[in-house]
Structure formats: C-alpha cells, structure tokens
C-alpha atoms as a PDB file:
ATOM      1  CA  MET A   1      78.195 110.646  37.892  1.00  0.00           C
ATOM      2  CA  GLY A   2      80.171 109.013  40.669  1.00  0.00           C
ATOM      3  CA  TYR A   3      80.672 105.622  42.165  1.00  0.00           C
ATOM      4  CA  ASN A   4      80.254 104.531  45.759  1.00  0.00           C
ATOM      5  CA  LEU A   5      83.545 102.728  46.248  1.00  0.00           C
ATOM      6  CA  SER A   6      82.619 101.682  49.774  1.00  0.00           C
ATOM      7  CA  ALA A   7      79.928  99.461  48.276  1.00  0.00           C
ATOM      8  CA  LEU A   8      82.658  97.383  46.652  1.00  0.00           C
ATOM      9  CA  PHE A   9      83.829  96.323  50.096  1.00  0.00           C
ATOM     10  CA  ALA A  10      80.369  95.669  51.494  1.00  0.00           C
ATOM     11  CA  VAL A  11      79.800  92.063  52.421  1.00  0.00           C
ATOM     12  CA  LEU A  12      76.893  90.075  53.711  1.00  0.00           C
ATOM     13  CA  PHE A  13      77.971  88.257  56.836  1.00  0.00           C
ATOM     14  CA  ALA A  14      76.034  85.704  58.841  1.00  0.00           C
ATOM     15  CA  TYR A  15      76.511  84.766  62.464  1.00  0.00           C
ATOM     16  CA  ASN A  16      77.158  81.029  62.650  1.00  0.00           C
ATOM     17  CA  GLY A  17      76.692  80.741  66.408  1.00  0.00           C
ATOM     18  CA  ILE A  18      80.386  80.110  67.100  1.00  0.00           C
ATOM     19  CA  PHE A  19      82.176  83.433  66.660  1.00  0.00           C
ATOM     20  CA  GLN A  20      80.880  86.957  66.894  1.00  0.00           C
ATOM     21  CA  MET A  21      83.460  89.675  66.349  1.00  0.00           C
ATOM     22  CA  LYS A  22      82.944  93.141  67.761  1.00  0.00           C
ATOM     23  CA  TRP A  23      83.062  94.547  64.236  1.00  0.00           C
ATOM     24  CA  MET A  24      79.953  92.516  63.417  1.00  0.00           C
ATOM     25  CA  TYR A  25      78.307  93.469  66.690  1.00  0.00           C
ATOM     26  CA  TRP A  26      78.487  97.203  65.885  1.00  0.00           C
ATOM     27  CA  ASP A  27      78.287  96.849  62.072  1.00  0.00           C
ATOM     28  CA  LEU A  28      81.762  98.313  61.580  1.00  0.00           C
ATOM     29  CA  VAL A  29      82.005  97.265  57.954  1.00  0.00           C
ATOM     30  CA  CYS A  30      81.800  98.883  54.529  1.00  0.00           C
ATOM     31  CA  SER A  31      82.073 102.661  54.986  1.00  0.00           C
ATOM     32  CA  LYS A  32      82.930 102.134  58.684  1.00  0.00           C
ATOM     33  CA  ARG A  33      85.614  99.549  58.089  1.00  0.00           C
ATOM     34  CA  TRP A  34      88.369 102.023  59.042  1.00  0.00           C
ATOM     35  CA  LEU A  35      87.076 102.387  62.607  1.00  0.00           C
ATOM     36  CA  PRO A  36      88.507  99.089  63.940  1.00  0.00           C
ATOM     37  CA  VAL A  37      91.985 100.344  63.041  1.00  0.00           C
ATOM     38  CA  ILE A  38      91.440 103.165  65.534  1.00  0.00           C
ATOM     39  CA  VAL A  39      91.319 100.640  68.369  1.00  0.00           C
ATOM     40  CA  LEU A  40      94.806  99.244  67.746  1.00  0.00           C
ATOM     41  CA  THR A  41      96.211 102.704  67.057  1.00  0.00           C
ATOM     42  CA  ALA A  42      94.745 104.116  70.271  1.00  0.00           C
ATOM     43  CA  PHE A  43      95.941 101.094  72.252  1.00  0.00           C
ATOM     44  CA  ASN A  44      99.540 101.456  71.052  1.00  0.00           C
ATOM     45  CA  ALA A  45      99.528 105.250  71.411  1.00  0.00           C
ATOM     46  CA  SER A  46      98.283 105.044  74.988  1.00  0.00           C
ATOM     47  CA  GLY A  47     101.131 102.643  75.686  1.00  0.00           C
ATOM     48  CA  LEU A  48     103.610 105.411  74.829  1.00  0.00           C
ATOM     49  CA  PHE A  49     102.031 107.745  77.373  1.00  0.00           C
ATOM     50  CA  GLY A  50     101.782 104.876  79.820  1.00  0.00           C
ATOM     51  CA  GLN A  51     105.526 104.335  79.532  1.00  0.00           C
ATOM     52  CA  CYS A  52     106.207 107.845  80.848  1.00  0.00           C
ATOM     53  CA  ALA A  53     103.628 107.514  83.616  1.00  0.00           C
ATOM     54  CA  CYS A  54     104.974 104.122  84.681  1.00  0.00           C
ATOM     55  CA  LEU A  55     108.534 105.422  84.929  1.00  0.00           C
ATOM     56  CA  PHE A  56     107.323 108.233  87.186  1.00  0.00           C
ATOM     57  CA  ILE A  57     105.360 105.846  89.422  1.00  0.00           C
ATOM     58  CA  ALA A  58     108.289 103.429  89.645  1.00  0.00           C
ATOM     59  CA  LYS A  59     110.644 106.208  90.724  1.00  0.00           C
ATOM     60  CA  LYS A  60     108.197 107.813  93.138  1.00  0.00           C
ATOM     61  CA  PHE A  61     106.427 104.824  94.691  1.00  0.00           C
ATOM     62  CA  GLY A  62     108.472 101.767  93.716  1.00  0.00           C
ATOM     63  CA  LYS A  63     108.023  98.863  91.341  1.00  0.00           C
ATOM     64  CA  ARG A  64     105.702  96.977  93.688  1.00  0.00           C
ATOM     65  CA  VAL A  65     103.123  99.760  93.657  1.00  0.00           C
ATOM     66  CA  LEU A  66     103.629 100.151  89.914  1.00  0.00           C
ATOM     67  CA  PHE A  67     102.915  96.500  89.194  1.00  0.00           C
ATOM     68  CA  PHE A  68      99.753  96.131  91.249  1.00  0.00           C
ATOM     69  CA  SER A  69      98.303  99.511  90.273  1.00  0.00           C
ATOM     70  CA  THR A  70      98.738  98.797  86.562  1.00  0.00           C
ATOM     71  CA  LEU A  71      97.513  95.239  87.084  1.00  0.00           C
ATOM     72  CA  LEU A  72      94.322  96.584  88.640  1.00  0.00           C
ATOM     73  CA  MET A  73      93.849  99.063  85.796  1.00  0.00           C
ATOM     74  CA  GLN A  74      94.415  96.427  83.130  1.00  0.00           C
ATOM     75  CA  SER A  75      92.113  93.867  84.745  1.00  0.00           C
ATOM     76  CA  ALA A  76      89.339  96.359  85.456  1.00  0.00           C
ATOM     77  CA  SER A  77      89.478  97.884  81.977  1.00  0.00           C
ATOM     78  CA  GLY A  78      89.468  94.408  80.448  1.00  0.00           C
ATOM     79  CA  VAL A  79      86.295  93.486  82.312  1.00  0.00           C
ATOM     80  CA  ALA A  80      84.738  96.822  81.368  1.00  0.00           C
ATOM     81  CA  THR A  81      85.619  96.145  77.736  1.00  0.00           C
ATOM     82  CA  ALA A  82      83.424  93.051  77.762  1.00  0.00           C
ATOM     83  CA  PHE A  83      80.416  95.165  78.736  1.00  0.00           C
ATOM     84  CA  SER A  84      81.079  98.095  76.397  1.00  0.00           C
ATOM     85  CA  PRO A  85      77.694  99.446  75.258  1.00  0.00           C
ATOM     86  CA  ASN A  86      79.112 101.164  72.172  1.00  0.00           C
ATOM     87  CA  PHE A  87      82.259 101.623  70.122  1.00  0.00           C
ATOM     88  CA  ILE A  88      83.361 104.823  71.882  1.00  0.00           C
ATOM     89  CA  CYS A  89      83.355 103.142  75.290  1.00  0.00           C
ATOM     90  CA  PHE A  90      85.220 100.209  73.792  1.00  0.00           C
ATOM     91  CA  VAL A  91      88.012 102.498  72.542  1.00  0.00           C
ATOM     92  CA  VAL A  92      88.227 104.280  75.912  1.00  0.00           C
ATOM     93  CA  PHE A  93      88.573 101.019  77.828  1.00  0.00           C
ATOM     94  CA  ARG A  94      91.221  99.749  75.423  1.00  0.00           C
ATOM     95  CA  CYS A  95      93.166 102.982  75.917  1.00  0.00           C
ATOM     96  CA  LEU A  96      93.079 102.458  79.681  1.00  0.00           C
ATOM     97  CA  ALA A  97      94.356  98.929  79.180  1.00  0.00           C
ATOM     98  CA  GLY A  98      97.115 100.234  76.929  1.00  0.00           C
ATOM     99  CA  LEU A  99      98.236 102.681  79.604  1.00  0.00           C
ATOM    100  CA  ALA A 100      98.752  99.797  82.013  1.00  0.00           C
ATOM    101  CA  VAL A 101     100.676  97.462  79.710  1.00  0.00           C
ATOM    102  CA  PRO A 102     104.151  99.054  80.166  1.00  0.00           C
ATOM    103  CA  GLY A 103     103.929  98.767  83.952  1.00  0.00           C
ATOM    104  CA  ILE A 104     102.883  95.121  83.824  1.00  0.00           C
ATOM    105  CA  LEU A 105     105.802  94.311  81.537  1.00  0.00           C
ATOM    106  CA  ILE A 106     108.466  96.504  83.146  1.00  0.00           C
ATOM    107  CA  ALA A 107     107.990  95.918  86.876  1.00  0.00           C
ATOM    108  CA  PRO A 108     108.277  92.091  87.082  1.00  0.00           C
ATOM    109  CA  SER A 109     111.101  91.774  84.552  1.00  0.00           C
ATOM    110  CA  THR A 110     113.305  94.518  86.005  1.00  0.00           C
ATOM    111  CA  LEU A 111     112.656  93.258  89.524  1.00  0.00           C
ATOM    112  CA  ALA A 112     113.682  89.768  88.436  1.00  0.00           C
ATOM    113  CA  TYR A 113     116.960  91.206  87.138  1.00  0.00           C
ATOM    114  CA  GLU A 114     117.576  92.974  90.456  1.00  0.00           C
ATOM    115  CA  LEU A 115     116.858  89.950  92.635  1.00  0.00           C
ATOM    116  CA  ASN A 116     119.113  87.663  90.596  1.00  0.00           C
ATOM    117  CA  GLY A 117     122.831  87.960  90.055  1.00  0.00           C
ATOM    118  CA  TRP A 118     124.332  89.038  86.778  1.00  0.00           C
ATOM    119  CA  LYS A 119     125.134  85.405  85.984  1.00  0.00           C
ATOM    120  CA  MET A 120     121.396  84.664  85.893  1.00  0.00           C
ATOM    121  CA  HIS A 121     120.409  87.601  83.678  1.00  0.00           C
ATOM    122  CA  ALA A 122     120.470  85.525  80.487  1.00  0.00           C
ATOM    123  CA  LYS A 123     118.212  82.874  82.011  1.00  0.00           C
ATOM    124  CA  VAL A 124     115.851  85.505  83.417  1.00  0.00           C
ATOM    125  CA  SER A 125     115.598  87.161  80.018  1.00  0.00           C
ATOM    126  CA  LEU A 126     114.928  83.800  78.364  1.00  0.00           C
ATOM    127  CA  LEU A 127     112.193  82.905  80.856  1.00  0.00           C
ATOM    128  CA  CYS A 128     110.476  86.289  80.475  1.00  0.00           C
ATOM    129  CA  SER A 129     110.495  86.015  76.692  1.00  0.00           C
ATOM    130  CA  ALA A 130     109.310  82.406  76.807  1.00  0.00           C
ATOM    131  CA  ALA A 131     106.436  83.291  79.125  1.00  0.00           C
ATOM    132  CA  ARG A 132     105.186  85.979  76.737  1.00  0.00           C
ATOM    133  CA  SER A 133     105.474  83.672  73.731  1.00  0.00           C
ATOM    134  CA  ILE A 134     103.617  80.869  75.501  1.00  0.00           C
ATOM    135  CA  GLY A 135     100.915  83.313  76.540  1.00  0.00           C
ATOM    136  CA  MET A 136     100.400  84.451  72.950  1.00  0.00           C
ATOM    137  CA  ALA A 137     100.207  80.829  71.807  1.00  0.00           C
ATOM    138  CA  LEU A 138      97.651  79.976  74.483  1.00  0.00           C
ATOM    139  CA  LEU A 139      95.571  82.976  73.455  1.00  0.00           C
ATOM    140  CA  ALA A 140      94.703  81.263  70.169  1.00  0.00           C
ATOM    141  CA  GLY A 141      93.336  78.268  72.045  1.00  0.00           C
ATOM    142  CA  ILE A 142      91.380  80.501  74.395  1.00  0.00           C
ATOM    143  CA  ILE A 143      89.767  82.242  71.422  1.00  0.00           C
ATOM    144  CA  LEU A 144      88.589  78.902  70.036  1.00  0.00           C
ATOM    145  CA  PHE A 145      87.235  77.897  73.426  1.00  0.00           C
ATOM    146  CA  VAL A 146      85.353  81.042  74.489  1.00  0.00           C
ATOM    147  CA  GLY A 147      84.030  82.112  71.082  1.00  0.00           C
ATOM    148  CA  GLU A 148      82.551  85.606  71.358  1.00  0.00           C
ATOM    149  CA  TRP A 149      84.793  88.646  71.825  1.00  0.00           C
ATOM    150  CA  SER A 150      83.104  89.648  75.097  1.00  0.00           C
ATOM    151  CA  ASN A 151      83.885  86.247  76.594  1.00  0.00           C
ATOM    152  CA  LEU A 152      87.466  86.599  75.380  1.00  0.00           C
ATOM    153  CA  ALA A 153      87.769  89.960  77.142  1.00  0.00           C
ATOM    154  CA  LEU A 154      86.608  88.368  80.394  1.00  0.00           C
ATOM    155  CA  ALA A 155      88.757  85.263  79.987  1.00  0.00           C
ATOM    156  CA  SER A 156      91.876  87.367  79.417  1.00  0.00           C
ATOM    157  CA  SER A 157      91.187  89.784  82.294  1.00  0.00           C
ATOM    158  CA  VAL A 158      89.434  88.105  85.231  1.00  0.00           C
ATOM    159  CA  PRO A 159      92.230  85.560  85.968  1.00  0.00           C
ATOM    160  CA  PHE A 160      94.670  88.418  86.567  1.00  0.00           C
ATOM    161  CA  PHE A 161      92.846  89.341  89.763  1.00  0.00           C
ATOM    162  CA  ALA A 162      94.347  86.182  91.276  1.00  0.00           C
ATOM    163  CA  PHE A 163      97.778  87.839  91.176  1.00  0.00           C
ATOM    164  CA  PHE A 164      96.685  90.147  93.987  1.00  0.00           C
ATOM    165  CA  LEU A 165      96.978  87.141  96.318  1.00  0.00           C
ATOM    166  CA  TYR A 166     100.695  87.350  95.552  1.00  0.00           C
ATOM    167  CA  SER A 167     100.864  90.905  96.892  1.00  0.00           C
ATOM    168  CA  TRP A 168     101.696  89.603 100.375  1.00  0.00           C
ATOM    169  CA  VAL A 169     105.001  88.117  99.216  1.00  0.00           C
ATOM    170  CA  PHE A 170     105.801  90.302  96.193  1.00  0.00           C
ATOM    171  CA  PRO A 171     109.052  92.093  97.149  1.00  0.00           C
ATOM    172  CA  GLU A 172     109.973  95.693  96.552  1.00  0.00           C
ATOM    173  CA  SER A 173     112.939  96.725  94.468  1.00  0.00           C
ATOM    174  CA  PRO A 174     116.138  96.684  96.587  1.00  0.00           C
ATOM    175  CA  LYS A 175     117.595  99.512  94.505  1.00  0.00           C
ATOM    176  CA  TRP A 176     114.519 101.659  95.093  1.00  0.00           C
ATOM    177  CA  LEU A 177     114.597 100.952  98.834  1.00  0.00           C
ATOM    178  CA  LEU A 178     118.241 102.022  98.999  1.00  0.00           C
ATOM    179  CA  ALA A 179     117.642 105.115  96.884  1.00  0.00           C
ATOM    180  CA  THR A 180     114.828 106.234  99.191  1.00  0.00           C
ATOM    181  CA  GLY A 181     116.815 105.591 102.386  1.00  0.00           C
ATOM    182  CA  ARG A 182     114.716 102.667 103.633  1.00  0.00           C
ATOM    183  CA  TYR A 183     117.686 100.707 104.915  1.00  0.00           C
ATOM    184  CA  GLU A 184     115.866  98.516 107.431  1.00  0.00           C
ATOM    185  CA  GLU A 185     113.511  97.184 104.772  1.00  0.00           C
ATOM    186  CA  THR A 186     116.479  96.670 102.483  1.00  0.00           C
ATOM    187  CA  GLY A 187     118.245  94.688 105.184  1.00  0.00           C
ATOM    188  CA  ARG A 188     115.238  92.430 105.783  1.00  0.00           C
ATOM    189  CA  LEU A 189     114.843  91.780 102.077  1.00  0.00           C
ATOM    190  CA  LEU A 190     118.527  91.005 101.546  1.00  0.00           C
ATOM    191  CA  ARG A 191     118.568  88.688 104.575  1.00  0.00           C
ATOM    192  CA  ASN A 192     115.589  86.784 103.172  1.00  0.00           C
ATOM    193  CA  ILE A 193     117.365  86.461  99.840  1.00  0.00           C
ATOM    194  CA  ALA A 194     120.559  85.292 101.540  1.00  0.00           C
ATOM    195  CA  THR A 195     118.644  82.743 103.627  1.00  0.00           C
ATOM    196  CA  THR A 196     116.915  81.380 100.534  1.00  0.00           C
ATOM    197  CA  ASN A 197     120.289  81.040  98.799  1.00  0.00           C
ATOM    198  CA  GLY A 198     121.817  79.328 101.825  1.00  0.00           C
ATOM    199  CA  ARG A 199     124.102  82.223 102.671  1.00  0.00           C
ATOM    200  CA  GLY A 200     124.437  84.561 105.604  1.00  0.00           C
ATOM    201  CA  LEU A 201     124.898  88.296 106.092  1.00  0.00           C
ATOM    202  CA  SER A 202     126.971  89.971 108.766  1.00  0.00           C
ATOM    203  CA  PRO A 203     124.987  91.878 111.432  1.00  0.00           C
ATOM    204  CA  ASP A 204     126.512  95.193 110.346  1.00  0.00           C
ATOM    205  CA  TYR A 205     125.902  94.588 106.644  1.00  0.00           C
ATOM    206  CA  VAL A 206     123.158  97.208 106.371  1.00  0.00           C
ATOM    207  CA  VAL A 207     125.255  99.752 108.283  1.00  0.00           C
ATOM    208  CA  SER A 208     128.226  99.243 105.972  1.00  0.00           C
ATOM    209  CA  LEU A 209     125.918  99.374 102.958  1.00  0.00           C
ATOM    210  CA  LYS A 210     124.516 102.675 104.182  1.00  0.00           C
ATOM    211  CA  GLY A 211     128.037 104.051 104.577  1.00  0.00           C
ATOM    212  CA  LEU A 212     129.058 102.984 101.081  1.00  0.00           C
ATOM    213  CA  LEU A 213     125.929 104.559  99.635  1.00  0.00           C
ATOM    214  CA  SER A 214     126.569 107.808 101.504  1.00  0.00           C
ATOM    215  CA  VAL A 215     130.129 107.979 100.179  1.00  0.00           C
ATOM    216  CA  ALA A 216     128.969 107.277  96.625  1.00  0.00           C
ATOM    217  CA  THR A 217     126.269 109.942  96.896  1.00  0.00           C
ATOM    218  CA  PHE A 218     128.771 112.475  98.274  1.00  0.00           C
ATOM    219  CA  LYS A 219     131.194 111.824  95.418  1.00  0.00           C
ATOM    220  CA  GLN A 220     128.426 112.122  92.867  1.00  0.00           C
ATOM    221  CA  ASN A 221     127.135 115.404  94.280  1.00  0.00           C
ATOM    222  CA  ASN A 222     130.621 116.918  94.480  1.00  0.00           C
ATOM    223  CA  ALA A 223     131.951 115.658  91.169  1.00  0.00           C
ATOM    224  CA  GLN A 224     133.132 118.413  88.846  1.00  0.00           C
ATOM    225  CA  THR A 225     131.905 118.544  85.312  1.00  0.00           C
ATOM    226  CA  PRO A 226     134.399 119.140  82.452  1.00  0.00           C
ATOM    227  CA  VAL A 227     133.122 122.718  82.154  1.00  0.00           C
ATOM    228  CA  GLU A 228     133.860 123.435  85.824  1.00  0.00           C
ATOM    229  CA  ASN A 229     137.517 122.493  85.345  1.00  0.00           C
ATOM    230  CA  PHE A 230     138.141 125.602  83.242  1.00  0.00           C
END
C-alpha cells in the first residue's frame, strides 16, 4: 500500500479576475509543479551559451551589431512568449530570450566605458547599476498594472522596439574600429566626441594613431616568449 505524495501538494485555486499566472493557465501544479522550475533553469543556462555567442559577435561584427541583434531577438521572443500555445513553446521562447540577455547587458555598458574617460568609469558603473535596479523596481508596478502574465510579456517586450530609433546615432566601439583597421570611421567618431566635449583634434590625429597602432602591433607580433629565450 502506497501513498500519493503529490496529492499532499494539490490545491484548489480560483481565478479572481485580477491575476492569472501561467502555471494556472497550463495546470502546472501538483504532480507537474516541478515544470515551472525548468523555465528559470533553461533561461539561465541559455544565458551561458549566449555569453559565448555574444563575445564572438562583438569581436567579429562589433558591439553595435551585437546590441541591436540581441535586442531584436529579446523583443521578438518576448512577444512570442505572450502568445505561447503550450508549455514547450513557452520554454523555447524563454531560452531565446536568455540567449540575448548577455548582449543587451554587455554592449551598452562596455561601450559607455570606452566612450568615457577613466575618471568617469565609477559614475558610469553607478548609473548602469542604478538603471537595472530601477527597472527591477518598476517591474513590480507593471505587474500590478497589467495583471495577466501574457500582458506582462508584452509590456516588458514591445517598448524595446523603440530603441531601434536610436540605431541612427548609436556609435560603434572605437576600439573595435581600430582593431579592424577602419581608421576613417574612428577619426569621425573621435572628432564628434571631441566636438561634444569642446575640444579639438589635429588634422593628422588619425594618421598618427594609425602609426602608433602599427608599431604596437609589430612589437606584439615580434615579442619573444620566455621559452624562446632559451
């Protein structure tokens, strides 16, 4: 004679017209109560793989492409989450969103460090951390306002499409431009930064920068390792 332990955790829930969680929508309770944990696990695990993919994209195509490609993936998967017909599709869409999270976090913050001097790094770090904390605090209010989980998925995804309007002025990483030999674009970007800061650059600044980079690259390629000295 055995006991059905899952019955001990079975509850009778009623929809009060204000909140409807996805667990209630798909009856993921009692013997299925472990399935919701899969969502968070899959989301975090996909973020680990997304970290590797984002580093490759940033090195190959630049941080600008990384940011907007991951932003598109996150926004699209968030909208798709709201219309998930079943639990499997829901998990898949959350995995796609998890893949995009590292790129959305890495690209803007590292670019902000590059475009600001080292004296501003502490302030940049503080602003980035404050923005994330404020966003998490606002999320609680959004949940109370929108109610159902599908509306929350839309409310936390659709507004991000507005960031694509910023693509016309979103700069590329100066370090990546230099590393890929795009000196003219680097010069235009640095001149815009200097103009904004009320400073000026010499006409041959890009040429001298190219020469310094060539010398540094030559020294790096011809540097002897400790093993080669013996």
